[in-house]
Amino acid sequence: MKAYLQVRPKVDDDLLFLGRTHRSLDPRDVQRTVPEAAHRAGIKFAIIPHTLRHSLATRFLEKNSDDIATLATILGHASISP
Protein backbone atom coordinates (compact mmCIF):
# COMPACT_ATOMS: atom_id res chain seq x y z
CA MET A 1 0.00 0.00 0.00
CA LYS A 2 2.80 2.40 0.81
CA ALA A 3 4.31 1.91 -2.67
CA TYR A 4 0.92 2.40 -4.33
CA LEU A 5 0.18 5.56 -2.36
CA GLN A 6 3.54 7.01 -3.40
CA VAL A 7 2.71 6.70 -7.11
CA ARG A 8 -1.05 7.27 -6.95
CA PRO A 9 -2.07 10.67 -8.32
CA LYS A 10 -2.91 13.19 -5.61
CA VAL A 11 -6.62 14.01 -5.47
CA ASP A 12 -8.80 16.01 -3.10
CA ASP A 13 -11.15 13.07 -2.45
CA ASP A 14 -10.75 10.37 0.17
CA LEU A 15 -10.69 7.75 -2.58
CA LEU A 16 -8.13 4.99 -2.29
CA PHE A 17 -8.29 3.48 -5.77
CA LEU A 18 -8.76 5.67 -8.81
CA GLY A 19 -9.91 5.06 -12.36
CA ARG A 20 -8.06 6.25 -15.47
CA THR A 21 -9.65 9.68 -15.13
CA HIS A 22 -8.38 9.97 -11.52
CA ARG A 23 -11.94 9.71 -10.24
CA SER A 24 -13.73 6.87 -8.48
CA LEU A 25 -13.58 3.47 -10.13
CA ASP A 26 -16.61 2.50 -12.15
CA PRO A 27 -17.59 -1.11 -12.87
CA ARG A 28 -15.87 -1.05 -16.28
CA ASP A 29 -12.58 0.01 -14.68
CA VAL A 30 -12.75 -2.98 -12.34
CA GLN A 31 -13.81 -5.39 -15.11
CA ARG A 32 -10.82 -4.29 -17.19
CA THR A 33 -8.24 -3.97 -14.40
CA VAL A 34 -8.73 -7.32 -12.64
CA PRO A 35 -7.98 -9.54 -15.68
CA GLU A 36 -5.06 -7.29 -16.70
CA ALA A 37 -3.54 -7.55 -13.21
CA ALA A 38 -4.04 -11.33 -13.17
CA HIS A 39 -2.27 -11.62 -16.53
CA ARG A 40 0.65 -9.46 -15.32
CA ALA A 41 0.86 -11.68 -12.22
CA GLY A 42 1.27 -14.73 -14.45
CA ILE A 43 -2.08 -16.29 -13.61
CA LYS A 44 -2.95 -18.60 -16.50
CA PHE A 45 -6.71 -18.98 -15.95
CA ALA A 46 -9.52 -16.44 -16.28
CA ILE A 47 -9.94 -14.07 -13.37
CA ILE A 48 -12.92 -11.73 -13.16
CA PRO A 49 -14.04 -9.51 -10.27
CA HIS A 50 -16.54 -12.14 -9.15
CA THR A 51 -13.65 -14.62 -8.79
CA LEU A 52 -12.15 -12.33 -6.15
CA ARG A 53 -15.51 -12.07 -4.35
CA HIS A 54 -15.82 -15.86 -4.35
CA SER A 55 -12.26 -16.26 -3.07
CA LEU A 56 -12.90 -13.80 -0.25
CA ALA A 57 -16.02 -15.69 0.81
CA THR A 58 -14.26 -19.06 0.63
CA ARG A 59 -11.26 -17.90 2.69
CA PHE A 60 -13.48 -16.18 5.22
CA LEU A 61 -15.51 -19.34 5.78
CA GLU A 62 -12.36 -21.45 6.09
CA LYS A 63 -11.35 -19.36 9.10
CA ASN A 64 -14.81 -18.38 10.41
CA SER A 65 -17.12 -21.25 9.52
CA ASP A 66 -19.66 -20.30 12.17
CA ASP A 67 -19.93 -16.61 11.23
CA ILE A 68 -22.11 -16.56 8.13
CA ALA A 69 -23.93 -13.40 9.29
CA THR A 70 -20.70 -11.36 9.17
CA LEU A 71 -19.84 -12.77 5.75
CA ALA A 72 -23.30 -11.82 4.49
CA THR A 73 -22.73 -8.27 5.71
CA ILE A 74 -19.29 -8.06 4.09
CA LEU A 75 -20.74 -9.27 0.78
CA GLY A 76 -23.68 -6.87 1.00
CA HIS A 77 -26.37 -9.50 1.38
CA ALA A 78 -29.58 -8.35 3.07
CA SER A 79 -30.33 -11.81 4.47
CA ILE A 80 -28.61 -15.14 5.07
CA SER A 81 -31.72 -17.00 3.95
CA PRO A 82 -31.35 -18.98 0.69
PDB file of N, CA and C in Angstrom:
ATOM      1  N   MET A   1       0.810  -1.181   0.000  1.00  0.00           N
ATOM      2  CA  MET A   1       0.000   0.000   0.000  1.00  0.00           C
ATOM      3  C   MET A   1       0.863   1.258   0.000  1.00  0.00           C
ATOM      4  N   LYS A   2       1.938   1.220   0.769  1.00  0.00           N
ATOM      5  CA  LYS A   2       2.801   2.398   0.808  1.00  0.00           C
ATOM      6  C   LYS A   2       3.345   2.722  -0.577  1.00  0.00           C
ATOM      7  N   ALA A   3       3.777   1.693  -1.318  1.00  0.00           N
ATOM      8  CA  ALA A   3       4.313   1.910  -2.666  1.00  0.00           C
ATOM      9  C   ALA A   3       3.234   2.465  -3.589  1.00  0.00           C
ATOM     10  N   TYR A   4       2.017   1.922  -3.491  1.00  0.00           N
ATOM     11  CA  TYR A   4       0.916   2.400  -4.327  1.00  0.00           C
ATOM     12  C   TYR A   4       0.605   3.858  -4.014  1.00  0.00           C
ATOM     13  N   LEU A   5       0.526   4.192  -2.746  1.00  0.00           N
ATOM     14  CA  LEU A   5       0.176   5.559  -2.365  1.00  0.00           C
ATOM     15  C   LEU A   5       1.240   6.561  -2.793  1.00  0.00           C
ATOM     16  N   GLN A   6       2.481   6.111  -2.939  1.00  0.00           N
ATOM     17  CA  GLN A   6       3.539   7.009  -3.397  1.00  0.00           C
ATOM     18  C   GLN A   6       3.405   7.355  -4.870  1.00  0.00           C
ATOM     19  N   VAL A   7       2.838   6.447  -5.671  1.00  0.00           N
ATOM     20  CA  VAL A   7       2.712   6.701  -7.110  1.00  0.00           C
ATOM     21  C   VAL A   7       1.300   7.102  -7.528  1.00  0.00           C
ATOM     22  N   ARG A   8       0.333   6.918  -6.635  1.00  0.00           N
ATOM     23  CA  ARG A   8      -1.049   7.273  -6.949  1.00  0.00           C
ATOM     24  C   ARG A   8      -1.167   8.780  -7.118  1.00  0.00           C
ATOM     25  N   PRO A   9      -1.889   9.230  -8.149  1.00  0.00           N
ATOM     26  CA  PRO A   9      -2.073  10.674  -8.317  1.00  0.00           C
ATOM     27  C   PRO A   9      -2.728  11.285  -7.079  1.00  0.00           C
ATOM     28  N   LYS A  10      -2.324  12.486  -6.748  1.00  0.00           N
ATOM     29  CA  LYS A  10      -2.906  13.192  -5.606  1.00  0.00           C
ATOM     30  C   LYS A  10      -4.262  13.759  -6.019  1.00  0.00           C
ATOM     31  N   VAL A  11      -5.280  13.496  -5.213  1.00  0.00           N
ATOM     32  CA  VAL A  11      -6.621  14.012  -5.468  1.00  0.00           C
ATOM     33  C   VAL A  11      -7.160  14.580  -4.166  1.00  0.00           C
ATOM     34  N   ASP A  12      -8.205  15.401  -4.281  1.00  0.00           N
ATOM     35  CA  ASP A  12      -8.795  16.012  -3.096  1.00  0.00           C
ATOM     36  C   ASP A  12      -9.800  15.101  -2.394  1.00  0.00           C
ATOM     37  N   ASP A  13     -10.184  14.001  -3.034  1.00  0.00           N
ATOM     38  CA  ASP A  13     -11.145  13.066  -2.450  1.00  0.00           C
ATOM     39  C   ASP A  13     -10.454  12.128  -1.471  1.00  0.00           C
ATOM     40  N   ASP A  14     -11.262  11.401  -0.726  1.00  0.00           N
ATOM     41  CA  ASP A  14     -10.751  10.373   0.173  1.00  0.00           C
ATOM     42  C   ASP A  14     -10.684   9.014  -0.518  1.00  0.00           C
ATOM     43  N   LEU A  15     -10.696   8.993  -1.833  1.00  0.00           N
ATOM     44  CA  LEU A  15     -10.695   7.747  -2.577  1.00  0.00           C
ATOM     45  C   LEU A  15      -9.344   7.056  -2.455  1.00  0.00           C
ATOM     46  N   LEU A  16      -9.377   5.744  -2.344  1.00  0.00           N
ATOM     47  CA  LEU A  16      -8.130   4.989  -2.288  1.00  0.00           C
ATOM     48  C   LEU A  16      -7.700   4.576  -3.687  1.00  0.00           C
ATOM     49  N   PHE A  17      -8.603   3.938  -4.424  1.00  0.00           N
ATOM     50  CA  PHE A  17      -8.290   3.479  -5.774  1.00  0.00           C
ATOM     51  C   PHE A  17      -8.978   4.386  -6.783  1.00  0.00           C
ATOM     52  N   LEU A  18      -8.254   4.733  -7.818  1.00  0.00           N
ATOM     53  CA  LEU A  18      -8.755   5.668  -8.814  1.00  0.00           C
ATOM     54  C   LEU A  18      -8.850   5.016 -10.179  1.00  0.00           C
ATOM     55  N   GLY A  19      -9.787   5.498 -10.978  1.00  0.00           N
ATOM     56  CA  GLY A  19      -9.905   5.063 -12.358  1.00  0.00           C
ATOM     57  C   GLY A  19      -8.925   5.830 -13.235  1.00  0.00           C
ATOM     58  N   ARG A  20      -8.983   5.587 -14.527  1.00  0.00           N
ATOM     59  CA  ARG A  20      -8.060   6.247 -15.468  1.00  0.00           C
ATOM     60  C   ARG A  20      -8.217   7.759 -15.485  1.00  0.00           C
ATOM     61  N   THR A  21      -9.406   8.243 -15.128  1.00  0.00           N
ATOM     62  CA  THR A  21      -9.653   9.684 -15.128  1.00  0.00           C
ATOM     63  C   THR A  21      -9.347  10.308 -13.768  1.00  0.00           C
ATOM     64  N   HIS A  22      -8.727   9.534 -12.878  1.00  0.00           N
ATOM     65  CA  HIS A  22      -8.381   9.972 -11.519  1.00  0.00           C
ATOM     66  C   HIS A  22      -9.621  10.287 -10.690  1.00  0.00           C
ATOM     67  N   ARG A  23     -10.702   9.617 -11.023  1.00  0.00           N
ATOM     68  CA  ARG A  23     -11.935   9.707 -10.243  1.00  0.00           C
ATOM     69  C   ARG A  23     -12.236   8.317  -9.703  1.00  0.00           C
ATOM     70  N   SER A  24     -13.387   8.172  -9.052  1.00  0.00           N
ATOM     71  CA  SER A  24     -13.731   6.869  -8.484  1.00  0.00           C
ATOM     72  C   SER A  24     -13.826   5.808  -9.574  1.00  0.00           C
ATOM     73  N   LEU A  25     -13.494   4.584  -9.185  1.00  0.00           N
ATOM     74  CA  LEU A  25     -13.580   3.465 -10.126  1.00  0.00           C
ATOM     75  C   LEU A  25     -15.030   3.203 -10.495  1.00  0.00           C
ATOM     76  N   ASP A  26     -15.270   2.955 -11.768  1.00  0.00           N
ATOM     77  CA  ASP A  26     -16.605   2.501 -12.153  1.00  0.00           C
ATOM     78  C   ASP A  26     -16.506   1.013 -12.476  1.00  0.00           C
ATOM     79  N   PRO A  27     -17.628   0.341 -12.629  1.00  0.00           N
ATOM     80  CA  PRO A  27     -17.594  -1.110 -12.873  1.00  0.00           C
ATOM     81  C   PRO A  27     -16.722  -1.508 -14.055  1.00  0.00           C
ATOM     82  N   ARG A  28     -16.707  -0.723 -15.113  1.00  0.00           N
ATOM     83  CA  ARG A  28     -15.874  -1.049 -16.280  1.00  0.00           C
ATOM     84  C   ARG A  28     -14.386  -1.008 -15.935  1.00  0.00           C
ATOM     85  N   ASP A  29     -13.991  -0.051 -15.107  1.00  0.00           N
ATOM     86  CA  ASP A  29     -12.583   0.011 -14.682  1.00  0.00           C
ATOM     87  C   ASP A  29     -12.188  -1.286 -13.988  1.00  0.00           C
ATOM     88  N   VAL A  30     -13.039  -1.756 -13.089  1.00  0.00           N
ATOM     89  CA  VAL A  30     -12.747  -2.978 -12.343  1.00  0.00           C
ATOM     90  C   VAL A  30     -12.750  -4.186 -13.273  1.00  0.00           C
ATOM     91  N   GLN A  31     -13.732  -4.258 -14.185  1.00  0.00           N
ATOM     92  CA  GLN A  31     -13.814  -5.387 -15.112  1.00  0.00           C
ATOM     93  C   GLN A  31     -12.592  -5.454 -16.018  1.00  0.00           C
ATOM     94  N   ARG A  32     -12.010  -4.327 -16.338  1.00  0.00           N
ATOM     95  CA  ARG A  32     -10.821  -4.290 -17.189  1.00  0.00           C
ATOM     96  C   ARG A  32      -9.539  -4.532 -16.372  1.00  0.00           C
ATOM     97  N   THR A  33      -9.471  -3.945 -15.194  1.00  0.00           N
ATOM     98  CA  THR A  33      -8.241  -3.971 -14.399  1.00  0.00           C
ATOM     99  C   THR A  33      -7.947  -5.341 -13.795  1.00  0.00           C
ATOM    100  N   VAL A  34      -8.960  -6.030 -13.314  1.00  0.00           N
ATOM    101  CA  VAL A  34      -8.730  -7.319 -12.644  1.00  0.00           C
ATOM    102  C   VAL A  34      -8.092  -8.344 -13.591  1.00  0.00           C
ATOM    103  N   PRO A  35      -8.642  -8.579 -14.780  1.00  0.00           N
ATOM    104  CA  PRO A  35      -7.976  -9.540 -15.676  1.00  0.00           C
ATOM    105  C   PRO A  35      -6.576  -9.094 -16.114  1.00  0.00           C
ATOM    106  N   GLU A  36      -6.389  -7.787 -16.317  1.00  0.00           N
ATOM    107  CA  GLU A  36      -5.059  -7.292 -16.697  1.00  0.00           C
ATOM    108  C   GLU A  36      -4.050  -7.570 -15.581  1.00  0.00           C
ATOM    109  N   ALA A  37      -4.437  -7.318 -14.339  1.00  0.00           N
ATOM    110  CA  ALA A  37      -3.536  -7.553 -13.209  1.00  0.00           C
ATOM    111  C   ALA A  37      -3.241  -9.045 -13.054  1.00  0.00           C
ATOM    112  N   ALA A  38      -4.241  -9.884 -13.262  1.00  0.00           N
ATOM    113  CA  ALA A  38      -4.036 -11.333 -13.171  1.00  0.00           C
ATOM    114  C   ALA A  38      -3.046 -11.791 -14.239  1.00  0.00           C
ATOM    115  N   HIS A  39      -3.189 -11.266 -15.437  1.00  0.00           N
ATOM    116  CA  HIS A  39      -2.266 -11.617 -16.526  1.00  0.00           C
ATOM    117  C   HIS A  39      -0.832 -11.185 -16.188  1.00  0.00           C
ATOM    118  N   ARG A  40      -0.688  -9.949 -15.699  1.00  0.00           N
ATOM    119  CA  ARG A  40       0.645  -9.461 -15.316  1.00  0.00           C
ATOM    120  C   ARG A  40       1.249 -10.289 -14.191  1.00  0.00           C
ATOM    121  N   ALA A  41       0.387 -10.854 -13.334  1.00  0.00           N
ATOM    122  CA  ALA A  41       0.864 -11.677 -12.220  1.00  0.00           C
ATOM    123  C   ALA A  41       1.201 -13.094 -12.664  1.00  0.00           C
ATOM    124  N   GLY A  42       0.940 -13.408 -13.938  1.00  0.00           N
ATOM    125  CA  GLY A  42       1.271 -14.730 -14.454  1.00  0.00           C
ATOM    126  C   GLY A  42       0.206 -15.781 -14.204  1.00  0.00           C
ATOM    127  N   ILE A  43      -0.982 -15.347 -13.837  1.00  0.00           N
ATOM    128  CA  ILE A  43      -2.083 -16.291 -13.614  1.00  0.00           C
ATOM    129  C   ILE A  43      -2.592 -16.742 -14.976  1.00  0.00           C
ATOM    130  N   LYS A  44      -2.664 -18.044 -15.176  1.00  0.00           N
ATOM    131  CA  LYS A  44      -2.954 -18.597 -16.496  1.00  0.00           C
ATOM    132  C   LYS A  44      -4.439 -18.847 -16.756  1.00  0.00           C
ATOM    133  N   PHE A  45      -5.282 -18.742 -15.737  1.00  0.00           N
ATOM    134  CA  PHE A  45      -6.706 -18.985 -15.950  1.00  0.00           C
ATOM    135  C   PHE A  45      -7.470 -17.675 -15.808  1.00  0.00           C
ATOM    136  N   ALA A  46      -8.713 -17.665 -16.262  1.00  0.00           N
ATOM    137  CA  ALA A  46      -9.522 -16.445 -16.283  1.00  0.00           C
ATOM    138  C   ALA A  46      -9.847 -15.977 -14.872  1.00  0.00           C
ATOM    139  N   ILE A  47      -9.600 -14.712 -14.630  1.00  0.00           N
ATOM    140  CA  ILE A  47      -9.942 -14.073 -13.369  1.00  0.00           C
ATOM    141  C   ILE A  47     -10.849 -12.892 -13.686  1.00  0.00           C
ATOM    142  N   ILE A  48     -11.994 -12.845 -13.034  1.00  0.00           N
ATOM    143  CA  ILE A  48     -12.918 -11.726 -13.160  1.00  0.00           C
ATOM    144  C   ILE A  48     -13.201 -11.209 -11.752  1.00  0.00           C
ATOM    145  N   PRO A  49     -13.781 -10.022 -11.615  1.00  0.00           N
ATOM    146  CA  PRO A  49     -14.043  -9.506 -10.273  1.00  0.00           C
ATOM    147  C   PRO A  49     -14.825 -10.475  -9.387  1.00  0.00           C
ATOM    148  N   HIS A  50     -15.764 -11.200  -9.955  1.00  0.00           N
ATOM    149  CA  HIS A  50     -16.542 -12.139  -9.148  1.00  0.00           C
ATOM    150  C   HIS A  50     -15.660 -13.269  -8.587  1.00  0.00           C
ATOM    151  N   THR A  51     -14.596 -13.614  -9.295  1.00  0.00           N
ATOM    152  CA  THR A  51     -13.653 -14.618  -8.794  1.00  0.00           C
ATOM    153  C   THR A  51     -13.051 -14.154  -7.471  1.00  0.00           C
ATOM    154  N   LEU A  52     -12.717 -12.874  -7.389  1.00  0.00           N
ATOM    155  CA  LEU A  52     -12.154 -12.333  -6.154  1.00  0.00           C
ATOM    156  C   LEU A  52     -13.178 -12.352  -5.028  1.00  0.00           C
ATOM    157  N   ARG A  53     -14.415 -12.035  -5.349  1.00  0.00           N
ATOM    158  CA  ARG A  53     -15.507 -12.070  -4.352  1.00  0.00           C
ATOM    159  C   ARG A  53     -15.682 -13.492  -3.828  1.00  0.00           C
ATOM    160  N   HIS A  54     -15.677 -14.459  -4.731  1.00  0.00           N
ATOM    161  CA  HIS A  54     -15.822 -15.861  -4.349  1.00  0.00           C
ATOM    162  C   HIS A  54     -14.641 -16.306  -3.480  1.00  0.00           C
ATOM    163  N   SER A  55     -13.440 -15.899  -3.851  1.00  0.00           N
ATOM    164  CA  SER A  55     -12.255 -16.257  -3.070  1.00  0.00           C
ATOM    165  C   SER A  55     -12.323 -15.665  -1.666  1.00  0.00           C
ATOM    166  N   LEU A  56     -12.752 -14.423  -1.561  1.00  0.00           N
ATOM    167  CA  LEU A  56     -12.896 -13.803  -0.247  1.00  0.00           C
ATOM    168  C   LEU A  56     -13.866 -14.606   0.612  1.00  0.00           C
ATOM    169  N   ALA A  57     -15.020 -14.948   0.051  1.00  0.00           N
ATOM    170  CA  ALA A  57     -16.020 -15.694   0.808  1.00  0.00           C
ATOM    171  C   ALA A  57     -15.490 -17.059   1.229  1.00  0.00           C
ATOM    172  N   THR A  58     -14.806 -17.733   0.328  1.00  0.00           N
ATOM    173  CA  THR A  58     -14.260 -19.059   0.635  1.00  0.00           C
ATOM    174  C   THR A  58     -13.239 -18.980   1.758  1.00  0.00           C
ATOM    175  N   ARG A  59     -12.294 -18.036   1.651  1.00  0.00           N
ATOM    176  CA  ARG A  59     -11.259 -17.905   2.685  1.00  0.00           C
ATOM    177  C   ARG A  59     -11.855 -17.490   4.019  1.00  0.00           C
ATOM    178  N   PHE A  60     -12.830 -16.604   3.982  1.00  0.00           N
ATOM    179  CA  PHE A  60     -13.483 -16.176   5.219  1.00  0.00           C
ATOM    180  C   PHE A  60     -14.109 -17.366   5.927  1.00  0.00           C
ATOM    181  N   LEU A  61     -14.849 -18.189   5.164  1.00  0.00           N
ATOM    182  CA  LEU A  61     -15.515 -19.338   5.775  1.00  0.00           C
ATOM    183  C   LEU A  61     -14.535 -20.401   6.253  1.00  0.00           C
ATOM    184  N   GLU A  62     -13.378 -20.512   5.612  1.00  0.00           N
ATOM    185  CA  GLU A  62     -12.358 -21.453   6.086  1.00  0.00           C
ATOM    186  C   GLU A  62     -11.898 -21.092   7.498  1.00  0.00           C
ATOM    187  N   LYS A  63     -11.841 -19.807   7.790  1.00  0.00           N
ATOM    188  CA  LYS A  63     -11.355 -19.360   9.099  1.00  0.00           C
ATOM    189  C   LYS A  63     -12.483 -19.035  10.080  1.00  0.00           C
ATOM    190  N   ASN A  64     -13.686 -18.815   9.572  1.00  0.00           N
ATOM    191  CA  ASN A  64     -14.808 -18.378  10.413  1.00  0.00           C
ATOM    192  C   ASN A  64     -16.071 -19.135  10.025  1.00  0.00           C
ATOM    193  N   SER A  65     -16.015 -20.447  10.054  1.00  0.00           N
ATOM    194  CA  SER A  65     -17.120 -21.250   9.519  1.00  0.00           C
ATOM    195  C   SER A  65     -18.453 -21.025  10.229  1.00  0.00           C
ATOM    196  N   ASP A  66     -18.420 -20.502  11.434  1.00  0.00           N
ATOM    197  CA  ASP A  66     -19.662 -20.302  12.174  1.00  0.00           C
ATOM    198  C   ASP A  66     -20.155 -18.856  12.124  1.00  0.00           C
ATOM    199  N   ASP A  67     -19.580 -18.027  11.266  1.00  0.00           N
ATOM    200  CA  ASP A  67     -19.930 -16.605  11.231  1.00  0.00           C
ATOM    201  C   ASP A  67     -20.469 -16.183   9.872  1.00  0.00           C
ATOM    202  N   ILE A  68     -21.514 -16.843   9.442  1.00  0.00           N
ATOM    203  CA  ILE A  68     -22.113 -16.557   8.133  1.00  0.00           C
ATOM    204  C   ILE A  68     -22.757 -15.172   8.114  1.00  0.00           C
ATOM    205  N   ALA A  69     -23.282 -14.721   9.237  1.00  0.00           N
ATOM    206  CA  ALA A  69     -23.926 -13.404   9.288  1.00  0.00           C
ATOM    207  C   ALA A  69     -22.924 -12.295   8.951  1.00  0.00           C
ATOM    208  N   THR A  70     -21.720 -12.378   9.484  1.00  0.00           N
ATOM    209  CA  THR A  70     -20.699 -11.363   9.172  1.00  0.00           C
ATOM    210  C   THR A  70     -20.324 -11.428   7.706  1.00  0.00           C
ATOM    211  N   LEU A  71     -20.166 -12.630   7.172  1.00  0.00           N
ATOM    212  CA  LEU A  71     -19.841 -12.767   5.748  1.00  0.00           C
ATOM    213  C   LEU A  71     -20.942 -12.154   4.894  1.00  0.00           C
ATOM    214  N   ALA A  72     -22.180 -12.397   5.244  1.00  0.00           N
ATOM    215  CA  ALA A  72     -23.300 -11.825   4.489  1.00  0.00           C
ATOM    216  C   ALA A  72     -23.228 -10.299   4.491  1.00  0.00           C
ATOM    217  N   THR A  73     -22.874  -9.721   5.621  1.00  0.00           N
ATOM    218  CA  THR A  73     -22.732  -8.269   5.711  1.00  0.00           C
ATOM    219  C   THR A  73     -21.586  -7.766   4.825  1.00  0.00           C
ATOM    220  N   ILE A  74     -20.451  -8.441   4.898  1.00  0.00           N
ATOM    221  CA  ILE A  74     -19.288  -8.058   4.088  1.00  0.00           C
ATOM    222  C   ILE A  74     -19.641  -8.090   2.598  1.00  0.00           C
ATOM    223  N   LEU A  75     -20.384  -9.106   2.193  1.00  0.00           N
ATOM    224  CA  LEU A  75     -20.740  -9.271   0.779  1.00  0.00           C
ATOM    225  C   LEU A  75     -21.936  -8.419   0.356  1.00  0.00           C
ATOM    226  N   GLY A  76     -22.554  -7.743   1.327  1.00  0.00           N
ATOM    227  CA  GLY A  76     -23.677  -6.868   0.998  1.00  0.00           C
ATOM    228  C   GLY A  76     -25.002  -7.576   0.857  1.00  0.00           C
ATOM    229  N   HIS A  77     -25.121  -8.759   1.430  1.00  0.00           N
ATOM    230  CA  HIS A  77     -26.374  -9.501   1.377  1.00  0.00           C
ATOM    231  C   HIS A  77     -27.323  -8.978   2.456  1.00  0.00           C
ATOM    232  N   ALA A  78     -28.587  -8.848   2.123  1.00  0.00           N
ATOM    233  CA  ALA A  78     -29.584  -8.352   3.072  1.00  0.00           C
ATOM    234  C   ALA A  78     -29.993  -9.441   4.050  1.00  0.00           C
ATOM    235  N   SER A  79     -29.852 -10.708   3.644  1.00  0.00           N
ATOM    236  CA  SER A  79     -30.328 -11.814   4.468  1.00  0.00           C
ATOM    237  C   SER A  79     -29.416 -13.018   4.258  1.00  0.00           C
ATOM    238  N   ILE A  80     -29.369 -13.907   5.248  1.00  0.00           N
ATOM    239  CA  ILE A  80     -28.614 -15.144   5.071  1.00  0.00           C
ATOM    240  C   ILE A  80     -29.514 -16.289   4.632  1.00  0.00           C
ATOM    241  N   SER A  81     -30.784 -15.982   4.424  1.00  0.00           N
ATOM    242  CA  SER A  81     -31.718 -16.999   3.951  1.00  0.00           C
ATOM    243  C   SER A  81     -31.430 -17.327   2.492  1.00  0.00           C
ATOM    244  N   PRO A  82     -31.600 -18.611   2.102  1.00  0.00           N
ATOM    245  CA  PRO A  82     -31.354 -18.978   0.694  1.00  0.00           C
ATOM    246  C   PRO A  82     -32.382 -18.397  -0.247  1.00  0.00           C
TER     247      PRO A  82
END
